[in-house]
Amino acid sequence: MMRALLLLVCALIVSGSPVFGQNPTQVFSHKETGINFPAKLGHLELEGVKKYDNKALGVSVRYAGPHLLKADVYVYHMGLRGIPNGIESTIITNHFSQVVEEVKNMEETGRYVSVVSVSRGVTSVGAHPNLWPTLYECFTYQQKVGTSEPRKSYLLLTGYKGHFVKIRFTYLLRQEAEGEALRTEFLKDFGAYLR
């Protein structure tokens, strides 16, 4: 059961294309964690919110920008209790390793081409004094379907109030300078909502 939930969450995360059904002009609040999602984070605009029928899968919130740029934020618990804050627990590090492997395996399943991990480590979301530690891995790849231009994508994970908070931030590689600036701004602004 846990493996099936993990695979479903990973598929949703790597797909980057959930179906959204909420009015994008409304601010969304995740009741269990108290995270508020404003209409705009940085220069990205809220595109929609998806609440999954299976409560263990939580919600996904998409923000979009120019040049196919998107930031998907997932808040879920997979039925686990006691997910600790931050990145120091084995629950977080194990889950992060599993999700990273799922991204890498997208090449084997035929969804991605030329998946390359370019960096991995620890970073912070937010700005001083509201910095929140996150694990991250950055990839370059091409999609098999749709626009096949090379992309750069960051996968970030942290624990927050009994939930996993995962961010997938993706942009076209040819727009790297703009994409990096928008990513930095987005993560700085989002960190203000993790208190």
N, C-alpha and C. Protein backbone atom coordinates (compact mmCIF):
# COMPACT_ATOMS: atom_id res chain seq x y z
N MET A 1 0.82 -1.20 0.00
CA MET A 1 0.00 0.00 0.00
C MET A 1 0.86 1.26 0.00
N MET A 2 1.88 1.28 0.90
CA MET A 2 2.77 2.44 0.96
C MET A 2 3.53 2.61 -0.34
N ARG A 3 3.99 1.51 -0.93
CA ARG A 3 4.71 1.57 -2.21
C ARG A 3 3.82 2.12 -3.31
N ALA A 4 2.55 1.71 -3.33
CA ALA A 4 1.61 2.20 -4.33
C ALA A 4 1.37 3.70 -4.18
N LEU A 5 1.25 4.16 -2.94
CA LEU A 5 1.07 5.60 -2.70
C LEU A 5 2.30 6.37 -3.15
N LEU A 6 3.50 5.83 -2.82
CA LEU A 6 4.73 6.50 -3.22
C LEU A 6 4.81 6.62 -4.73
N LEU A 7 4.51 5.53 -5.44
CA LEU A 7 4.57 5.57 -6.89
C LEU A 7 3.58 6.57 -7.48
N LEU A 8 2.38 6.67 -6.88
CA LEU A 8 1.40 7.62 -7.37
C LEU A 8 1.86 9.05 -7.13
N VAL A 9 2.38 9.33 -5.93
CA VAL A 9 2.89 10.67 -5.64
C VAL A 9 4.02 11.02 -6.58
N CYS A 10 4.94 10.09 -6.78
CA CYS A 10 6.08 10.35 -7.67
C CYS A 10 5.62 10.60 -9.09
N ALA A 11 4.63 9.85 -9.54
CA ALA A 11 4.11 10.06 -10.90
C ALA A 11 3.50 11.45 -11.03
N LEU A 12 2.80 11.88 -10.00
CA LEU A 12 2.20 13.21 -10.04
C LEU A 12 3.27 14.28 -10.03
N ILE A 13 4.32 14.05 -9.25
CA ILE A 13 5.38 15.05 -9.15
C ILE A 13 6.14 15.16 -10.45
N VAL A 14 6.51 14.04 -11.03
CA VAL A 14 7.31 14.12 -12.24
C VAL A 14 6.50 14.48 -13.46
N SER A 15 5.20 14.25 -13.41
CA SER A 15 4.40 14.56 -14.59
C SER A 15 4.30 16.06 -14.81
N GLY A 16 4.22 16.80 -13.71
CA GLY A 16 4.12 18.25 -13.85
C GLY A 16 2.86 18.69 -14.55
N SER A 17 1.84 17.83 -14.63
CA SER A 17 0.65 18.23 -15.37
C SER A 17 -0.64 17.79 -14.69
N PRO A 18 -0.79 18.09 -13.38
CA PRO A 18 -2.05 17.75 -12.75
C PRO A 18 -3.19 18.59 -13.30
N VAL A 19 -4.38 18.09 -13.16
CA VAL A 19 -5.56 18.83 -13.60
C VAL A 19 -6.00 19.72 -12.46
N PHE A 20 -6.11 21.00 -12.71
CA PHE A 20 -6.45 21.94 -11.67
C PHE A 20 -7.89 22.38 -11.81
N GLY A 21 -8.54 22.60 -10.65
CA GLY A 21 -9.95 22.90 -10.72
C GLY A 21 -10.43 24.04 -9.87
N GLN A 22 -9.54 24.86 -9.36
CA GLN A 22 -9.98 25.96 -8.51
C GLN A 22 -9.75 27.27 -9.24
N ASN A 23 -10.60 28.24 -8.95
CA ASN A 23 -10.46 29.57 -9.55
C ASN A 23 -9.07 30.11 -9.23
N PRO A 24 -8.24 30.39 -10.24
CA PRO A 24 -6.87 30.80 -9.97
C PRO A 24 -6.74 32.18 -9.35
N THR A 25 -7.80 32.96 -9.32
CA THR A 25 -7.69 34.28 -8.72
C THR A 25 -7.89 34.23 -7.21
N GLN A 26 -8.35 33.11 -6.69
CA GLN A 26 -8.57 32.98 -5.25
C GLN A 26 -7.30 32.53 -4.55
N VAL A 27 -7.12 33.00 -3.34
CA VAL A 27 -6.02 32.53 -2.52
C VAL A 27 -6.44 31.21 -1.89
N PHE A 28 -5.52 30.25 -1.88
CA PHE A 28 -5.81 28.94 -1.32
C PHE A 28 -5.06 28.77 -0.01
N SER A 29 -5.72 28.19 0.99
CA SER A 29 -5.09 27.93 2.27
C SER A 29 -5.16 26.43 2.56
N HIS A 30 -4.00 25.84 2.88
CA HIS A 30 -3.94 24.44 3.25
C HIS A 30 -4.19 24.34 4.75
N LYS A 31 -5.35 23.85 5.12
CA LYS A 31 -5.79 23.90 6.52
C LYS A 31 -4.86 23.16 7.48
N GLU A 32 -4.41 21.97 7.11
CA GLU A 32 -3.62 21.17 8.04
C GLU A 32 -2.28 21.80 8.40
N THR A 33 -1.66 22.49 7.47
CA THR A 33 -0.35 23.10 7.74
C THR A 33 -0.43 24.61 7.95
N GLY A 34 -1.54 25.21 7.53
CA GLY A 34 -1.65 26.66 7.62
C GLY A 34 -0.90 27.40 6.53
N ILE A 35 -0.40 26.67 5.53
CA ILE A 35 0.30 27.35 4.43
C ILE A 35 -0.73 28.05 3.55
N ASN A 36 -0.52 29.34 3.35
CA ASN A 36 -1.37 30.12 2.44
C ASN A 36 -0.66 30.25 1.11
N PHE A 37 -1.41 30.06 0.05
CA PHE A 37 -0.87 30.19 -1.30
C PHE A 37 -1.50 31.43 -1.93
N PRO A 38 -0.74 32.50 -2.09
CA PRO A 38 -1.30 33.73 -2.65
C PRO A 38 -1.50 33.63 -4.16
N ALA A 39 -2.13 34.63 -4.72
CA ALA A 39 -2.37 34.66 -6.17
C ALA A 39 -1.08 34.79 -6.95
N LYS A 40 -0.03 35.27 -6.29
CA LYS A 40 1.24 35.48 -6.97
C LYS A 40 2.38 35.21 -6.00
N LEU A 41 3.39 34.49 -6.46
CA LEU A 41 4.63 34.30 -5.71
C LEU A 41 5.77 34.71 -6.63
N GLY A 42 6.55 35.69 -6.21
CA GLY A 42 7.53 36.25 -7.11
C GLY A 42 6.80 36.83 -8.30
N HIS A 43 7.23 36.47 -9.49
CA HIS A 43 6.55 36.91 -10.70
C HIS A 43 5.69 35.79 -11.32
N LEU A 44 5.49 34.72 -10.56
CA LEU A 44 4.67 33.62 -11.06
C LEU A 44 3.26 33.75 -10.52
N GLU A 45 2.29 33.39 -11.37
CA GLU A 45 0.89 33.52 -10.99
C GLU A 45 0.27 32.17 -10.73
N LEU A 46 -0.60 32.14 -9.72
CA LEU A 46 -1.32 30.92 -9.38
C LEU A 46 -2.17 30.49 -10.57
N GLU A 47 -1.94 29.26 -11.01
CA GLU A 47 -2.69 28.73 -12.14
C GLU A 47 -3.83 27.83 -11.68
N GLY A 48 -3.64 27.15 -10.55
CA GLY A 48 -4.71 26.30 -10.06
C GLY A 48 -4.29 25.43 -8.89
N VAL A 49 -5.29 24.80 -8.30
CA VAL A 49 -5.10 23.93 -7.14
C VAL A 49 -5.81 22.61 -7.41
N LYS A 50 -5.16 21.52 -7.07
CA LYS A 50 -5.77 20.21 -7.19
C LYS A 50 -5.79 19.54 -5.82
N LYS A 51 -6.98 19.19 -5.34
CA LYS A 51 -7.14 18.44 -4.11
C LYS A 51 -7.42 17.00 -4.51
N TYR A 52 -6.54 16.09 -4.11
CA TYR A 52 -6.69 14.70 -4.51
C TYR A 52 -7.72 13.99 -3.64
N ASP A 53 -8.48 13.08 -4.26
CA ASP A 53 -9.51 12.33 -3.54
C ASP A 53 -8.90 11.53 -2.39
N ASN A 54 -7.75 10.96 -2.62
CA ASN A 54 -7.04 10.25 -1.57
C ASN A 54 -6.34 11.28 -0.70
N LYS A 55 -6.81 11.46 0.52
CA LYS A 55 -6.28 12.51 1.39
C LYS A 55 -4.80 12.36 1.69
N ALA A 56 -4.27 11.14 1.61
CA ALA A 56 -2.84 10.92 1.84
C ALA A 56 -1.99 11.62 0.79
N LEU A 57 -2.58 11.88 -0.39
CA LEU A 57 -1.85 12.55 -1.47
C LEU A 57 -1.95 14.07 -1.39
N GLY A 58 -2.82 14.57 -0.51
CA GLY A 58 -2.87 16.00 -0.24
C GLY A 58 -3.30 16.85 -1.41
N VAL A 59 -2.52 17.89 -1.66
CA VAL A 59 -2.86 18.87 -2.69
C VAL A 59 -1.63 19.21 -3.53
N SER A 60 -1.88 19.72 -4.72
CA SER A 60 -0.81 20.31 -5.53
C SER A 60 -1.28 21.68 -5.98
N VAL A 61 -0.35 22.59 -5.99
CA VAL A 61 -0.64 23.98 -6.34
C VAL A 61 0.34 24.38 -7.43
N ARG A 62 -0.18 24.87 -8.54
CA ARG A 62 0.69 25.26 -9.65
C ARG A 62 0.74 26.76 -9.84
N TYR A 63 1.97 27.23 -10.01
CA TYR A 63 2.24 28.62 -10.40
C TYR A 63 2.92 28.57 -11.77
N ALA A 64 2.62 29.54 -12.61
CA ALA A 64 3.17 29.53 -13.97
C ALA A 64 3.75 30.89 -14.32
N GLY A 65 4.71 30.86 -15.24
CA GLY A 65 5.35 32.07 -15.71
C GLY A 65 5.62 31.97 -17.20
N PRO A 66 6.48 32.82 -17.72
CA PRO A 66 6.76 32.84 -19.16
C PRO A 66 7.60 31.65 -19.60
N HIS A 67 7.59 31.36 -20.90
CA HIS A 67 8.46 30.35 -21.52
C HIS A 67 8.26 28.96 -20.90
N LEU A 68 7.01 28.56 -20.68
CA LEU A 68 6.65 27.26 -20.13
C LEU A 68 7.19 27.05 -18.71
N LEU A 69 7.56 28.12 -18.05
CA LEU A 69 8.07 28.01 -16.69
C LEU A 69 6.93 27.65 -15.75
N LYS A 70 7.19 26.72 -14.82
CA LYS A 70 6.16 26.34 -13.86
C LYS A 70 6.79 25.93 -12.54
N ALA A 71 6.02 26.14 -11.49
CA ALA A 71 6.41 25.70 -10.15
C ALA A 71 5.22 24.97 -9.57
N ASP A 72 5.40 23.69 -9.28
CA ASP A 72 4.36 22.88 -8.66
C ASP A 72 4.75 22.62 -7.22
N VAL A 73 3.85 22.94 -6.30
CA VAL A 73 4.08 22.71 -4.87
C VAL A 73 3.11 21.62 -4.42
N TYR A 74 3.65 20.58 -3.82
CA TYR A 74 2.85 19.45 -3.34
C TYR A 74 2.94 19.42 -1.82
N VAL A 75 1.79 19.28 -1.16
CA VAL A 75 1.74 19.17 0.29
C VAL A 75 0.95 17.90 0.60
N TYR A 76 1.59 16.90 1.22
CA TYR A 76 0.95 15.60 1.41
C TYR A 76 1.65 14.86 2.55
N HIS A 77 1.03 13.78 3.04
CA HIS A 77 1.65 13.01 4.12
C HIS A 77 1.76 11.52 3.83
N MET A 78 1.16 11.03 2.75
CA MET A 78 1.23 9.63 2.34
C MET A 78 0.74 8.68 3.44
N GLY A 79 -0.09 9.18 4.34
CA GLY A 79 -0.60 8.34 5.41
C GLY A 79 0.36 8.15 6.57
N LEU A 80 1.50 8.82 6.52
CA LEU A 80 2.49 8.72 7.60
C LEU A 80 2.16 9.71 8.71
N ARG A 81 2.41 9.31 9.94
CA ARG A 81 2.26 10.21 11.08
C ARG A 81 3.64 10.63 11.57
N GLY A 82 3.70 11.83 12.09
CA GLY A 82 4.94 12.28 12.71
C GLY A 82 6.04 12.65 11.74
N ILE A 83 5.70 13.12 10.55
CA ILE A 83 6.74 13.62 9.64
C ILE A 83 7.34 14.86 10.29
N PRO A 84 8.63 14.83 10.61
CA PRO A 84 9.22 15.96 11.34
C PRO A 84 9.51 17.15 10.44
N ASN A 85 9.64 18.31 11.07
CA ASN A 85 10.01 19.52 10.35
C ASN A 85 11.45 19.42 9.85
N GLY A 86 11.72 20.08 8.75
CA GLY A 86 13.09 20.18 8.25
C GLY A 86 13.53 18.96 7.46
N ILE A 87 14.86 18.74 7.46
CA ILE A 87 15.45 17.74 6.57
C ILE A 87 16.33 16.72 7.28
N GLU A 88 16.38 16.76 8.60
CA GLU A 88 17.35 15.94 9.33
C GLU A 88 16.92 14.50 9.55
N SER A 89 15.65 14.17 9.34
CA SER A 89 15.17 12.82 9.67
C SER A 89 15.37 11.84 8.51
N THR A 90 15.41 10.55 8.86
CA THR A 90 15.51 9.53 7.81
C THR A 90 14.21 9.45 7.01
N ILE A 91 13.09 9.83 7.60
CA ILE A 91 11.83 9.87 6.84
C ILE A 91 11.98 10.79 5.64
N ILE A 92 12.55 11.96 5.87
CA ILE A 92 12.72 12.95 4.79
C ILE A 92 13.79 12.49 3.81
N THR A 93 14.95 12.08 4.31
CA THR A 93 16.04 11.72 3.39
C THR A 93 15.70 10.48 2.56
N ASN A 94 15.03 9.50 3.17
CA ASN A 94 14.62 8.31 2.41
C ASN A 94 13.59 8.65 1.34
N HIS A 95 12.60 9.46 1.71
CA HIS A 95 11.58 9.83 0.73
C HIS A 95 12.19 10.65 -0.41
N PHE A 96 13.11 11.54 -0.07
CA PHE A 96 13.76 12.34 -1.09
C PHE A 96 14.52 11.44 -2.08
N SER A 97 15.26 10.47 -1.56
CA SER A 97 16.00 9.55 -2.44
C SER A 97 15.06 8.79 -3.37
N GLN A 98 13.91 8.37 -2.85
CA GLN A 98 12.95 7.64 -3.66
C GLN A 98 12.39 8.51 -4.79
N VAL A 99 12.05 9.73 -4.47
CA VAL A 99 11.46 10.61 -5.47
C VAL A 99 12.49 11.01 -6.53
N VAL A 100 13.73 11.24 -6.11
CA VAL A 100 14.79 11.54 -7.06
C VAL A 100 14.97 10.38 -8.03
N GLU A 101 14.95 9.16 -7.52
CA GLU A 101 15.09 7.99 -8.38
C GLU A 101 13.95 7.89 -9.39
N GLU A 102 12.76 8.25 -8.96
CA GLU A 102 11.61 8.23 -9.88
C GLU A 102 11.81 9.21 -11.03
N VAL A 103 12.38 10.38 -10.74
CA VAL A 103 12.66 11.34 -11.82
C VAL A 103 13.67 10.73 -12.79
N LYS A 104 14.72 10.15 -12.24
CA LYS A 104 15.74 9.55 -13.10
C LYS A 104 15.18 8.40 -13.93
N ASN A 105 14.23 7.66 -13.35
CA ASN A 105 13.64 6.53 -14.06
C ASN A 105 12.66 6.94 -15.15
N MET A 106 12.33 8.22 -15.24
CA MET A 106 11.41 8.67 -16.28
C MET A 106 12.01 8.45 -17.67
N GLU A 107 13.32 8.35 -17.76
CA GLU A 107 13.94 8.06 -19.05
C GLU A 107 13.66 6.61 -19.45
N GLU A 108 13.71 5.71 -18.47
CA GLU A 108 13.44 4.30 -18.76
C GLU A 108 12.00 4.07 -19.17
N THR A 109 11.08 4.86 -18.63
CA THR A 109 9.67 4.69 -18.97
C THR A 109 9.30 5.42 -20.26
N GLY A 110 10.25 6.17 -20.83
CA GLY A 110 9.99 6.81 -22.11
C GLY A 110 9.37 8.19 -22.04
N ARG A 111 9.23 8.76 -20.86
CA ARG A 111 8.64 10.10 -20.75
C ARG A 111 9.67 11.20 -20.93
N TYR A 112 10.90 10.94 -20.46
CA TYR A 112 11.99 11.91 -20.57
C TYR A 112 13.11 11.30 -21.40
N VAL A 113 13.95 12.18 -21.94
CA VAL A 113 15.15 11.79 -22.67
C VAL A 113 16.32 12.57 -22.07
N SER A 114 17.47 11.94 -22.01
CA SER A 114 18.72 12.59 -21.59
C SER A 114 18.62 13.23 -20.21
N VAL A 115 18.15 12.46 -19.23
CA VAL A 115 18.07 12.95 -17.85
C VAL A 115 19.48 12.98 -17.25
N VAL A 116 19.89 14.15 -16.79
CA VAL A 116 21.22 14.31 -16.19
C VAL A 116 21.06 15.08 -14.88
N SER A 117 21.61 14.53 -13.80
CA SER A 117 21.63 15.25 -12.52
C SER A 117 22.82 16.20 -12.55
N VAL A 118 22.56 17.49 -12.35
CA VAL A 118 23.64 18.48 -12.44
C VAL A 118 24.10 18.99 -11.08
N SER A 119 23.24 18.89 -10.07
CA SER A 119 23.67 19.28 -8.72
C SER A 119 22.70 18.72 -7.70
N ARG A 120 23.20 18.60 -6.47
CA ARG A 120 22.39 18.06 -5.38
C ARG A 120 22.94 18.61 -4.08
N GLY A 121 22.05 18.86 -3.12
CA GLY A 121 22.54 19.36 -1.85
C GLY A 121 21.43 19.87 -0.96
N VAL A 122 21.80 20.83 -0.14
CA VAL A 122 20.87 21.45 0.79
C VAL A 122 20.83 22.93 0.47
N THR A 123 19.63 23.47 0.48
CA THR A 123 19.46 24.91 0.27
C THR A 123 18.40 25.39 1.25
N SER A 124 18.08 26.65 1.18
CA SER A 124 17.04 27.21 2.04
C SER A 124 15.97 27.86 1.18
N VAL A 125 14.75 27.74 1.65
CA VAL A 125 13.63 28.44 1.04
C VAL A 125 13.32 29.61 1.96
N GLY A 126 13.08 30.78 1.40
CA GLY A 126 12.76 31.95 2.21
C GLY A 126 13.89 32.95 2.22
N ALA A 127 13.78 33.90 3.10
CA ALA A 127 14.79 34.94 3.27
C ALA A 127 15.00 35.17 4.76
N HIS A 128 16.16 35.63 5.11
CA HIS A 128 16.45 35.89 6.52
C HIS A 128 15.41 36.84 7.10
N PRO A 129 14.83 36.56 8.27
CA PRO A 129 15.17 35.50 9.21
C PRO A 129 14.31 34.25 9.03
N ASN A 130 13.49 34.18 7.98
CA ASN A 130 12.59 33.03 7.77
C ASN A 130 13.15 32.05 6.76
N LEU A 131 14.28 31.44 7.07
CA LEU A 131 14.88 30.45 6.17
C LEU A 131 14.40 29.06 6.56
N TRP A 132 14.02 28.25 5.57
CA TRP A 132 13.55 26.90 5.83
C TRP A 132 14.42 25.93 5.05
N PRO A 133 15.10 24.97 5.72
CA PRO A 133 16.02 24.07 5.01
C PRO A 133 15.28 23.10 4.10
N THR A 134 15.86 22.85 2.93
CA THR A 134 15.29 21.89 1.99
C THR A 134 16.42 21.10 1.32
N LEU A 135 16.11 19.86 1.02
CA LEU A 135 16.99 19.07 0.16
C LEU A 135 16.63 19.39 -1.28
N TYR A 136 17.61 19.34 -2.17
CA TYR A 136 17.28 19.58 -3.57
C TYR A 136 18.16 18.74 -4.49
N GLU A 137 17.62 18.48 -5.67
CA GLU A 137 18.40 17.92 -6.77
C GLU A 137 17.96 18.65 -8.03
N CYS A 138 18.93 18.98 -8.87
CA CYS A 138 18.66 19.70 -10.11
C CYS A 138 18.98 18.78 -11.29
N PHE A 139 18.07 18.76 -12.27
CA PHE A 139 18.20 17.90 -13.45
C PHE A 139 18.10 18.74 -14.72
N THR A 140 18.70 18.23 -15.77
CA THR A 140 18.36 18.68 -17.12
C THR A 140 17.77 17.46 -17.84
N TYR A 141 16.86 17.71 -18.76
CA TYR A 141 16.20 16.62 -19.49
C TYR A 141 15.42 17.20 -20.66
N GLN A 142 14.90 16.32 -21.49
CA GLN A 142 13.96 16.68 -22.53
C GLN A 142 12.72 15.81 -22.37
N GLN A 143 11.57 16.37 -22.67
CA GLN A 143 10.34 15.59 -22.61
C GLN A 143 10.16 14.86 -23.93
N LYS A 144 9.54 13.69 -23.86
CA LYS A 144 9.27 12.91 -25.06
C LYS A 144 8.04 13.43 -25.79
N VAL A 145 7.09 13.99 -25.01
CA VAL A 145 5.82 14.48 -25.56
C VAL A 145 5.77 15.98 -25.38
N GLY A 146 5.19 16.68 -26.33
CA GLY A 146 5.08 18.14 -26.23
C GLY A 146 6.36 18.80 -26.66
N THR A 147 6.65 19.95 -26.09
CA THR A 147 7.86 20.68 -26.43
C THR A 147 9.08 19.88 -25.99
N SER A 148 9.94 19.55 -26.94
CA SER A 148 11.08 18.69 -26.62
C SER A 148 12.35 19.49 -26.32
N GLU A 149 12.23 20.79 -26.20
CA GLU A 149 13.39 21.61 -25.87
C GLU A 149 13.97 21.18 -24.53
N PRO A 150 15.29 21.24 -24.38
CA PRO A 150 15.90 20.90 -23.09
C PRO A 150 15.36 21.79 -21.96
N ARG A 151 15.17 21.17 -20.80
CA ARG A 151 14.65 21.87 -19.63
C ARG A 151 15.60 21.68 -18.45
N LYS A 152 15.49 22.59 -17.51
CA LYS A 152 16.19 22.46 -16.24
C LYS A 152 15.13 22.42 -15.17
N SER A 153 15.27 21.49 -14.22
CA SER A 153 14.23 21.31 -13.21
C SER A 153 14.84 21.04 -11.85
N TYR A 154 14.32 21.72 -10.85
CA TYR A 154 14.73 21.52 -9.46
C TYR A 154 13.65 20.75 -8.73
N LEU A 155 14.06 19.77 -7.94
CA LEU A 155 13.16 19.03 -7.07
C LEU A 155 13.61 19.33 -5.64
N LEU A 156 12.72 19.91 -4.83
CA LEU A 156 13.06 20.27 -3.46
C LEU A 156 12.09 19.58 -2.50
N LEU A 157 12.59 19.23 -1.32
CA LEU A 157 11.76 18.56 -0.32
C LEU A 157 12.14 18.99 1.08
N THR A 158 11.11 19.18 1.91
CA THR A 158 11.31 19.43 3.34
C THR A 158 10.12 18.87 4.09
N GLY A 159 10.25 18.77 5.40
CA GLY A 159 9.14 18.38 6.24
C GLY A 159 8.56 19.62 6.90
N TYR A 160 7.23 19.66 6.99
CA TYR A 160 6.60 20.85 7.58
C TYR A 160 5.26 20.47 8.21
N LYS A 161 5.18 20.60 9.52
CA LYS A 161 3.95 20.37 10.28
C LYS A 161 3.27 19.05 9.91
N GLY A 162 4.04 17.97 9.95
CA GLY A 162 3.50 16.64 9.71
C GLY A 162 3.25 16.30 8.26
N HIS A 163 3.81 17.07 7.34
CA HIS A 163 3.61 16.86 5.90
C HIS A 163 4.94 16.96 5.16
N PHE A 164 4.97 16.35 3.99
CA PHE A 164 6.04 16.62 3.04
C PHE A 164 5.64 17.86 2.25
N VAL A 165 6.57 18.76 2.05
CA VAL A 165 6.37 19.88 1.14
C VAL A 165 7.41 19.72 0.04
N LYS A 166 6.92 19.49 -1.15
CA LYS A 166 7.79 19.23 -2.29
C LYS A 166 7.54 20.28 -3.35
N ILE A 167 8.59 20.76 -3.94
CA ILE A 167 8.49 21.77 -5.01
C ILE A 167 9.21 21.23 -6.22
N ARG A 168 8.58 21.35 -7.36
CA ARG A 168 9.22 21.03 -8.65
C ARG A 168 9.19 22.32 -9.46
N PHE A 169 10.35 22.90 -9.70
CA PHE A 169 10.47 24.16 -10.43
C PHE A 169 11.19 23.90 -11.74
N THR A 170 10.53 24.20 -12.87
CA THR A 170 11.05 23.81 -14.19
C THR A 170 10.97 24.97 -15.18
N TYR A 171 12.01 25.09 -16.00
CA TYR A 171 12.00 26.10 -17.05
C TYR A 171 12.81 25.60 -18.25
N LEU A 172 12.63 26.26 -19.40
CA LEU A 172 13.39 25.91 -20.60
C LEU A 172 14.85 26.31 -20.40
N LEU A 173 15.76 25.41 -20.74
CA LEU A 173 17.17 25.65 -20.50
C LEU A 173 17.68 26.89 -21.24
N ARG A 174 17.11 27.18 -22.40
CA ARG A 174 17.56 28.38 -23.15
C ARG A 174 17.20 29.67 -22.44
N GLN A 175 16.32 29.59 -21.44
CA GLN A 175 15.93 30.75 -20.65
C GLN A 175 16.55 30.68 -19.24
N GLU A 176 17.75 30.11 -19.16
CA GLU A 176 18.34 29.82 -17.85
C GLU A 176 18.53 31.06 -16.98
N ALA A 177 19.03 32.13 -17.52
CA ALA A 177 19.26 33.33 -16.69
C ALA A 177 17.96 33.82 -16.08
N GLU A 178 16.92 33.93 -16.92
CA GLU A 178 15.62 34.38 -16.42
C GLU A 178 15.01 33.33 -15.48
N GLY A 179 15.14 32.05 -15.83
CA GLY A 179 14.59 30.99 -15.00
C GLY A 179 15.20 30.96 -13.62
N GLU A 180 16.51 31.14 -13.54
CA GLU A 180 17.18 31.14 -12.23
C GLU A 180 16.74 32.34 -11.39
N ALA A 181 16.62 33.48 -12.02
CA ALA A 181 16.18 34.68 -11.28
C ALA A 181 14.76 34.49 -10.75
N LEU A 182 13.88 33.91 -11.57
CA LEU A 182 12.49 33.69 -11.15
C LEU A 182 12.41 32.60 -10.09
N ARG A 183 13.26 31.59 -10.20
CA ARG A 183 13.29 30.53 -9.18
C ARG A 183 13.71 31.10 -7.83
N THR A 184 14.77 31.86 -7.82
CA THR A 184 15.26 32.47 -6.57
C THR A 184 14.18 33.33 -5.92
N GLU A 185 13.53 34.12 -6.73
CA GLU A 185 12.48 35.01 -6.21
C GLU A 185 11.28 34.22 -5.69
N PHE A 186 10.88 33.17 -6.43
CA PHE A 186 9.75 32.34 -6.03
C PHE A 186 10.02 31.68 -4.68
N LEU A 187 11.20 31.06 -4.54
CA LEU A 187 11.53 30.35 -3.30
C LEU A 187 11.68 31.31 -2.13
N LYS A 188 12.21 32.48 -2.39
CA LYS A 188 12.30 33.49 -1.33
C LYS A 188 10.92 33.89 -0.84
N ASP A 189 10.01 34.15 -1.76
CA ASP A 189 8.65 34.55 -1.38
C ASP A 189 7.89 33.41 -0.72
N PHE A 190 8.04 32.17 -1.24
CA PHE A 190 7.30 31.04 -0.68
C PHE A 190 7.72 30.77 0.75
N GLY A 191 8.99 30.95 1.04
CA GLY A 191 9.49 30.71 2.39
C GLY A 191 8.81 31.54 3.45
N ALA A 192 8.27 32.68 3.06
CA ALA A 192 7.57 33.54 4.03
C ALA A 192 6.29 32.89 4.53
N TYR A 193 5.80 31.88 3.80
CA TYR A 193 4.55 31.21 4.19
C TYR A 193 4.80 29.95 5.02
N LEU A 194 6.08 29.62 5.26
CA LEU A 194 6.44 28.51 6.13
C LEU A 194 6.92 29.10 7.45
N ARG A 195 6.06 29.11 8.47
CA ARG A 195 6.42 29.76 9.74
C ARG A 195 6.43 28.78 10.88
